[in-house]
Protein backbone atom coordinates (compact mmCIF):
# COMPACT_ATOMS: atom_id res chain seq x y z
CA MET A 1 12.88 -14.66 27.63
CA THR A 2 10.02 -16.68 26.15
CA THR A 3 6.85 -16.41 28.23
CA ALA A 4 4.65 -19.48 28.06
CA ILE A 5 0.95 -18.78 27.87
CA ILE A 6 -0.20 -22.39 27.59
CA THR A 7 1.97 -24.83 29.46
CA GLU A 8 1.25 -28.04 27.59
CA HIS A 9 3.90 -30.56 26.68
CA ILE A 10 4.96 -30.12 23.05
CA PRO A 11 5.17 -33.61 21.61
CA ALA A 12 8.16 -34.61 19.54
CA GLY A 13 7.62 -36.25 16.19
CA GLN A 14 7.17 -35.53 12.54
CA ALA A 15 3.44 -34.85 12.39
CA GLU A 16 2.56 -31.72 10.44
CA VAL A 17 1.49 -28.74 12.53
CA VAL A 18 0.29 -25.29 11.51
CA LEU A 19 1.65 -22.11 13.02
CA GLY A 20 -0.55 -19.10 13.77
CA VAL A 21 0.85 -15.72 14.84
CA ASP A 22 -0.82 -12.62 16.23
CA THR A 23 1.70 -9.86 15.58
CA HIS A 24 2.38 -6.74 17.64
CA LYS A 25 5.02 -4.01 17.65
CA ASP A 26 7.31 -5.52 20.29
CA VAL A 27 5.98 -9.04 20.88
CA HIS A 28 4.49 -11.73 18.65
CA VAL A 29 2.16 -14.35 20.13
CA ALA A 30 2.37 -17.73 18.37
CA ALA A 31 0.16 -20.80 18.56
CA VAL A 32 0.71 -24.29 17.19
CA CYS A 33 -2.24 -26.41 16.08
CA THR A 34 -2.44 -29.92 14.70
CA ALA A 35 -3.61 -30.54 11.14
CA LEU A 36 -7.09 -31.21 12.60
CA GLY A 37 -7.21 -27.83 14.36
CA ALA A 38 -6.49 -28.92 17.93
CA ALA A 39 -4.43 -26.36 19.86
CA VAL A 40 -1.10 -27.75 21.04
CA ALA A 41 0.70 -24.82 22.65
CA ALA A 42 1.11 -21.07 22.58
CA SER A 43 3.91 -18.73 23.57
CA SER A 44 5.13 -15.18 23.04
CA PHE A 45 8.41 -14.07 21.47
CA PRO A 46 10.11 -10.71 20.99
CA ALA A 47 9.76 -9.10 17.57
CA THR A 48 13.48 -9.37 16.79
CA ARG A 49 15.51 -11.58 14.48
CA GLU A 50 16.54 -13.72 17.44
CA GLY A 51 12.89 -13.86 18.49
CA TYR A 52 11.92 -15.04 15.00
CA ARG A 53 14.54 -17.78 15.17
CA ARG A 54 13.35 -18.95 18.57
CA LEU A 55 9.70 -18.83 17.47
CA LEU A 56 10.31 -21.09 14.48
CA ALA A 57 12.50 -23.48 16.49
CA TRP A 58 9.80 -23.67 19.16
CA ALA A 59 7.12 -24.42 16.54
CA ARG A 60 9.27 -27.06 14.82
CA ALA A 61 9.69 -28.85 18.13
CA ALA A 62 5.97 -29.71 17.85
CA GLY A 63 6.23 -31.14 14.34
CA VAL A 64 6.84 -30.24 10.73
CA VAL A 65 5.91 -26.61 10.00
CA ARG A 66 5.04 -26.07 6.35
CA ARG A 67 2.36 -23.39 6.67
CA ALA A 68 1.95 -20.36 8.90
CA GLY A 69 -0.97 -17.95 9.21
CA VAL A 70 0.26 -14.48 10.15
CA GLU A 71 -1.75 -11.36 10.92
CA GLY A 72 -0.46 -7.99 9.78
CA THR A 73 1.99 -9.21 7.13
CA GLY A 74 2.24 -5.67 5.75
CA SER A 75 2.99 -4.00 9.07
CA TYR A 76 4.04 -5.58 12.39
CA GLY A 77 4.34 -9.03 10.81
CA ALA A 78 6.38 -8.00 7.76
CA GLY A 79 9.75 -8.95 9.24
CA LEU A 80 8.49 -12.29 10.56
CA SER A 81 6.87 -13.10 7.21
CA ARG A 82 10.12 -12.51 5.35
CA TYR A 83 12.02 -14.65 7.85
CA LEU A 84 9.57 -17.55 7.64
CA ARG A 85 9.58 -17.51 3.83
CA GLY A 86 13.38 -17.51 3.92
CA GLU A 87 13.20 -20.67 6.05
CA GLY A 88 10.92 -22.44 3.57
CA VAL A 89 7.61 -21.90 5.38
CA GLN A 90 4.60 -20.90 3.30
CA VAL A 91 3.17 -17.72 4.84
CA ILE A 92 -0.56 -17.05 4.47
CA GLU A 93 -2.05 -13.67 5.28
CA VAL A 94 -4.80 -13.85 7.88
CA ASN A 95 -7.40 -11.18 8.58
CA ARG A 96 -8.54 -10.51 12.11
CA PRO A 97 -11.45 -12.71 13.27
CA ASP A 98 -14.91 -11.45 12.39
CA ARG A 99 -17.00 -9.86 15.11
CA ALA A 100 -19.39 -12.79 15.47
CA ALA A 101 -16.53 -15.21 16.15
CA ARG A 102 -14.93 -12.74 18.53
CA ARG A 103 -18.18 -12.40 20.49
CA ARG A 104 -18.40 -16.19 20.85
CA ARG A 105 -14.79 -16.85 21.84
CA GLY A 106 -13.70 -13.59 23.40
CA LYS A 107 -10.55 -11.66 22.62
CA SER A 108 -6.97 -12.41 23.61
CA ASP A 109 -3.68 -12.68 21.77
CA THR A 110 -3.64 -16.45 22.24
CA VAL A 111 -7.16 -16.82 20.88
CA ASP A 112 -6.23 -14.69 17.86
CA ALA A 113 -3.08 -16.73 17.19
CA GLU A 114 -5.06 -20.00 17.35
CA ALA A 115 -7.71 -18.48 15.08
CA ALA A 116 -4.99 -17.59 12.57
CA ALA A 117 -3.78 -21.20 12.48
CA CYS A 118 -7.32 -22.54 12.18
CA SER A 119 -8.06 -20.14 9.29
CA VAL A 120 -5.19 -21.73 7.37
CA ILE A 121 -6.29 -25.28 8.23
CA SER A 122 -9.92 -24.66 7.23
CA GLY A 123 -8.97 -22.93 3.99
CA ARG A 124 -10.65 -19.64 4.89
CA ALA A 125 -7.29 -17.88 4.64
CA THR A 126 -5.58 -18.35 1.29
CA ALA A 127 -4.03 -14.96 0.45
CA GLN A 128 -0.29 -14.81 -0.04
CA PRO A 129 1.29 -11.67 1.45
CA LYS A 130 3.44 -9.27 -0.53
CA SER A 131 7.03 -10.42 -0.52
CA GLY A 132 8.40 -6.94 0.24
CA ASP A 133 11.88 -7.86 -0.97
CA GLY A 134 12.17 -6.20 -4.37
CA PRO A 135 12.10 -2.86 -6.19
CA ILE A 136 8.38 -2.36 -5.56
CA GLU A 137 9.04 -2.24 -1.83
CA GLN A 138 11.64 0.48 -2.51
CA ILE A 139 9.06 2.39 -4.55
CA ARG A 140 6.55 2.06 -1.70
CA VAL A 141 8.98 3.51 0.84
CA TYR A 142 9.99 6.38 -1.45
CA LYS A 143 6.32 7.11 -2.18
CA ILE A 144 5.46 7.32 1.52
CA ALA A 145 8.12 10.00 1.93
CA LYS A 146 7.04 11.85 -1.24
CA ASP A 147 3.35 11.88 -0.30
CA SER A 148 4.26 13.17 3.14
CA ALA A 149 6.39 15.95 1.61
CA VAL A 150 3.59 16.91 -0.80
CA LYS A 151 1.15 17.14 2.11
CA ALA A 152 3.57 19.24 4.17
CA ARG A 153 4.22 21.53 1.16
CA ARG A 154 0.49 22.09 0.63
CA GLN A 155 0.06 22.86 4.32
CA ALA A 156 2.97 25.34 4.30
CA ILE A 157 1.58 27.14 1.22
CA ASN A 158 -1.84 27.44 2.88
CA GLN A 159 -0.24 28.80 6.07
CA LEU A 160 1.81 31.32 4.10
CA LYS A 161 -1.28 32.63 2.28
CA ALA A 162 -3.30 32.72 5.53
CA ILE A 163 -0.63 34.83 7.26
CA LEU A 164 -0.47 37.15 4.27
CA VAL A 165 -4.21 37.87 4.58
CA SER A 166 -3.69 39.51 7.99
CA ALA A 167 -0.36 41.19 7.13
CA GLY A 168 0.08 44.95 6.93
CA PRO A 169 -1.35 46.76 3.91
CA ALA A 170 2.08 47.66 2.49
CA LEU A 171 3.28 44.04 2.46
CA ARG A 172 -0.07 42.74 1.30
CA GLU A 173 -0.15 45.17 -1.65
CA GLN A 174 3.44 44.32 -2.51
CA LEU A 175 2.66 40.59 -2.78
CA SER A 176 -0.89 40.71 -4.16
CA GLY A 177 -1.46 39.30 -7.61
CA LEU A 178 1.56 36.98 -7.52
CA GLY A 179 1.25 33.31 -8.42
CA THR A 180 2.25 30.68 -5.88
CA ARG A 181 5.76 30.17 -7.27
CA ALA A 182 6.50 33.89 -7.52
CA LEU A 183 4.97 34.48 -4.09
CA VAL A 184 7.22 31.86 -2.49
CA THR A 185 10.31 33.27 -4.21
CA HIS A 186 9.51 36.81 -3.09
CA CYS A 187 8.73 35.77 0.51
CA ALA A 188 12.00 33.82 0.71
CA GLY A 189 13.86 37.09 0.12
CA LEU A 190 12.17 38.91 3.01
CA ARG A 191 14.68 37.41 5.43
CA ASP A 192 17.56 39.11 3.55
CA GLN A 193 16.23 42.65 3.99
CA PRO A 194 18.75 45.02 5.64
CA ALA A 195 16.31 46.08 8.36
CA ARG A 196 15.31 43.66 11.06
CA PRO A 197 12.27 41.79 9.72
CA SER A 198 8.98 41.88 11.55
CA ALA A 199 7.41 38.70 12.93
CA VAL A 200 5.17 38.48 9.85
CA SER A 201 8.06 38.95 7.40
CA TYR A 202 10.24 36.46 9.24
CA THR A 203 7.47 33.85 9.34
CA LEU A 204 6.66 34.33 5.65
CA ALA A 205 10.35 33.89 4.80
CA SER A 206 10.61 30.81 7.03
CA LEU A 207 7.59 29.19 5.39
CA ALA A 208 8.91 30.08 1.92
CA HIS A 209 12.27 28.41 2.63
CA ARG A 210 10.43 25.37 3.98
CA ILE A 211 8.41 25.17 0.75
CA LYS A 212 11.56 25.42 -1.36
CA ASN A 213 13.23 22.63 0.64
CA LEU A 214 10.14 20.46 0.27
CA ASP A 215 10.12 21.16 -3.48
CA ALA A 216 13.68 19.86 -3.73
CA GLU A 217 12.82 16.80 -1.63
CA ILE A 218 9.76 16.00 -3.75
CA THR A 219 11.78 16.35 -6.97
CA ASP A 220 14.49 14.03 -5.67
CA LEU A 221 12.05 11.38 -4.45
CA LEU A 222 10.02 11.51 -7.67
CA ALA A 223 13.22 11.03 -9.67
CA ARG A 224 14.11 7.96 -7.60
CA ILE A 225 10.60 6.53 -8.02
CA THR A 226 10.66 7.15 -11.78
CA GLY A 227 14.08 5.53 -12.10
CA LEU A 228 12.87 2.41 -10.31
CA ILE A 229 9.75 2.21 -12.47
CA ARG A 230 11.82 2.54 -15.64
CA SER A 231 14.09 -0.28 -14.54
CA THR A 232 11.20 -2.50 -13.36
CA ALA A 233 8.14 -1.86 -15.55
CA PRO A 234 9.05 0.68 -18.26
CA ALA A 235 6.09 -0.33 -20.43
CA LEU A 236 3.77 1.01 -17.75
CA LEU A 237 5.02 4.56 -18.27
CA GLY A 238 4.47 4.16 -21.99
CA GLU A 239 0.72 3.76 -21.51
CA HIS A 240 -1.39 6.80 -22.30
CA GLY A 241 -2.28 8.76 -19.16
CA VAL A 242 -0.03 6.77 -16.82
CA GLY A 243 2.40 9.04 -14.99
CA ALA A 244 5.04 8.11 -12.45
CA ASP A 245 2.76 8.64 -9.46
CA SER A 246 -0.10 6.53 -10.84
CA ALA A 247 2.31 3.83 -12.01
CA ALA A 248 3.94 3.71 -8.57
CA THR A 249 0.55 3.39 -6.86
CA LEU A 250 -0.53 0.48 -9.07
CA LEU A 251 2.82 -1.29 -8.68
CA VAL A 252 2.66 -0.97 -4.89
CA THR A 253 -0.85 -2.44 -4.93
CA ALA A 254 0.32 -5.40 -7.01
CA GLY A 255 3.46 -5.91 -4.92
CA ASP A 256 6.78 -7.51 -5.83
CA ASN A 257 5.04 -10.85 -6.37
CA PRO A 258 1.87 -10.22 -8.41
CA ALA A 259 1.73 -13.96 -9.14
CA ARG A 260 0.15 -14.25 -5.66
CA LEU A 261 -3.01 -12.83 -7.26
CA THR A 262 -5.15 -15.38 -9.07
CA GLY A 263 -5.59 -13.10 -12.08
CA GLU A 264 -6.66 -9.72 -13.35
CA SER A 265 -10.08 -10.06 -11.70
CA ALA A 266 -8.37 -10.36 -8.31
CA PHE A 267 -6.33 -7.25 -9.08
CA ALA A 268 -9.52 -5.41 -10.10
CA ALA A 269 -11.13 -6.39 -6.80
CA LEU A 270 -7.98 -5.28 -4.98
CA CYS A 271 -8.31 -1.88 -6.69
CA GLY A 272 -12.03 -1.66 -5.89
CA VAL A 273 -13.13 -1.49 -9.54
CA SER A 274 -14.92 -4.84 -9.80
CA PRO A 275 -18.71 -4.56 -9.46
CA VAL A 276 -20.27 -6.30 -6.46
CA GLU A 277 -23.19 -8.67 -7.07
CA MET A 278 -26.40 -7.51 -5.35
CA SER A 279 -29.00 -9.78 -6.96
CA SER A 280 -31.92 -11.21 -5.04
CA GLY A 281 -35.03 -13.03 -6.24
CA LYS A 282 -36.14 -11.58 -9.56
CA THR A 283 -33.81 -8.61 -9.21
CA THR A 284 -30.45 -8.84 -10.97
CA ARG A 285 -28.13 -5.93 -10.29
CA ARG A 286 -24.60 -4.97 -9.29
CA ARG A 287 -23.47 -2.12 -7.12
CA LEU A 288 -20.35 0.03 -6.98
CA ASN A 289 -17.42 -1.55 -5.15
CA ARG A 290 -16.44 0.75 -2.29
CA GLY A 291 -13.72 -1.55 -0.99
CA GLY A 292 -10.21 -2.24 -2.11
CA ASP A 293 -7.20 0.06 -2.25
CA ARG A 294 -8.68 3.53 -2.69
CA GLN A 295 -5.36 5.03 -3.82
CA ALA A 296 -5.18 2.49 -6.64
CA ASN A 297 -8.82 3.24 -7.44
CA ALA A 298 -8.01 6.96 -7.63
CA ALA A 299 -5.00 6.24 -9.88
CA LEU A 300 -7.18 4.30 -12.32
CA HIS A 301 -9.73 7.12 -12.22
CA ARG A 302 -7.07 9.70 -13.14
CA ILE A 303 -5.87 7.57 -16.04
CA ALA A 304 -9.43 7.11 -17.31
CA VAL A 305 -10.13 10.87 -17.13
CA VAL A 306 -6.92 11.70 -19.04
CA ARG A 307 -7.81 9.17 -21.75
CA LEU A 308 -11.32 10.55 -22.04
CA ARG A 309 -9.88 14.00 -22.50
CA ASP A 310 -7.38 13.42 -25.30
CA GLN A 311 -7.38 9.82 -26.57
CA PRO A 312 -9.60 9.39 -29.67
CA THR A 313 -10.42 5.70 -29.13
CA THR A 314 -11.55 6.34 -25.56
CA ARG A 315 -13.61 9.33 -26.68
CA ALA A 316 -15.26 7.14 -29.32
CA TYR A 317 -16.02 4.52 -26.64
CA LEU A 318 -17.64 7.20 -24.48
CA ASP A 319 -19.81 8.39 -27.39
CA ARG A 320 -20.88 4.84 -28.22
CA ARG A 321 -21.80 3.90 -24.65
CA THR A 322 -23.64 7.16 -23.96
CA ALA A 323 -25.64 6.58 -27.14
CA GLU A 324 -26.66 3.26 -25.59
CA GLY A 325 -28.04 5.11 -22.56
CA ARG A 326 -25.04 4.90 -20.20
CA THR A 327 -24.08 7.91 -18.11
CA LYS A 328 -20.55 9.29 -18.17
CA ARG A 329 -20.01 8.07 -14.62
CA GLU A 330 -20.96 4.52 -15.63
CA VAL A 331 -18.64 4.69 -18.63
CA ILE A 332 -15.74 5.74 -16.38
CA ARG A 333 -16.44 2.72 -14.15
CA CYS A 334 -16.27 0.46 -17.20
CA LEU A 335 -13.00 2.11 -18.28
CA LYS A 336 -11.47 1.61 -14.84
CA ARG A 337 -12.33 -2.09 -14.99
CA TYR A 338 -10.73 -2.34 -18.44
CA LEU A 339 -7.62 -0.45 -17.26
CA ALA A 340 -7.23 -2.78 -14.29
CA ARG A 341 -7.25 -5.76 -16.67
CA HIS A 342 -4.89 -4.16 -19.21
CA LEU A 343 -2.37 -2.65 -16.80
CA PHE A 344 -2.19 -5.74 -14.58
CA GLN A 345 -1.08 -7.80 -17.57
CA ILE A 346 1.72 -5.28 -18.17
CA ILE A 347 2.73 -5.29 -14.50
CA ARG A 348 2.74 -9.08 -14.19
CA ARG A 349 4.74 -9.53 -17.40
CA ALA A 350 7.26 -6.83 -16.45
CA LEU A 351 7.84 -8.16 -12.92
CA ALA A 352 8.18 -11.73 -14.21
CA GLU A 353 10.90 -10.55 -16.58
CA THR A 354 12.56 -8.59 -13.78
CA ARG A 355 12.66 -11.65 -11.53
CA ASN A 356 14.14 -13.75 -14.34
CA THR A 357 16.78 -11.25 -15.48
CA GLY A 358 17.20 -9.08 -12.39
CA PRO A 359 16.49 -5.36 -12.27
CA THR A 360 18.80 -2.99 -14.09
CA THR A 361 20.47 -0.18 -12.22
CA PRO A 362 17.88 2.59 -11.93
CA THR A 363 18.77 6.04 -13.21
CA LEU A 364 17.48 9.19 -11.56
CA ALA A 365 15.11 10.94 -13.92
CA ALA A 366 15.01 14.68 -14.05
């Protein structure tokens, strides 16, 4: 049941109002403000499809709802954002209020919902959220599972090697000198020995089987990711140094609707490769950008390093810039900025074509 937080009469009529929503796991708190920023009413709704329907109907009872400021559009507010866009409401992503404003006004869900609406009205909030309704969202979900499996596999390998250090001398000598793959294969066979295995042998075999299962899971997920990339942005994989993992990271950063970004400079800022102005008085300088999506930043770094290693034109660029007095680290930063510009154009063009023609059926790559 809807719980009213502010019990003001919601006037009927066709005046435009702006919706603001503070999202949570189970309940969303909504506030309606007039076009001049005056709070009209606030209420809470369950985070369900029926709750979304009631929330929008409640807001439309106050006037025409064309815009909505929503916090957490990539997490708790993702479902609500998709529903509102499906109903013709423009959704604008709103960051949490800054600390100075929070100190002045205090903190409550109602205050945050009203602040979200006022951010839209004042123009402080302009970012469009990711649509989350296309192949890039599928890539994102697959990549979460793959990254988790890679982390678990690394942990299992480290545990296996740590147990082996304290194992008996006979077993340790038997397995010493083996590479990781051969070590896992050999340990997996310890469970099949005719004699009852010791606790160490059983644990080594258990960890080895876990590693093998994770290997199969990673291979399957990577094949699904690669198939989606090939059906969505195949030109990205054709770029020198861009593998499936780096391509997936950059696509997830751009989202299914890269047109929401104003241009390649916005994408560069989103990846944390655009320099930040730090000039003051007679000093003119820029500093390294430590913000943005650090996974996308790392992906661009990997691509730049690969190109520096074996692409002649990039090597020539490095030689030319170092001759001018630049350090290798500075040259890599310049390359990352160039890659953000170049690859974003490929991503935007590919996703525009996908939206016009529809994605082809992805094939699982080996």
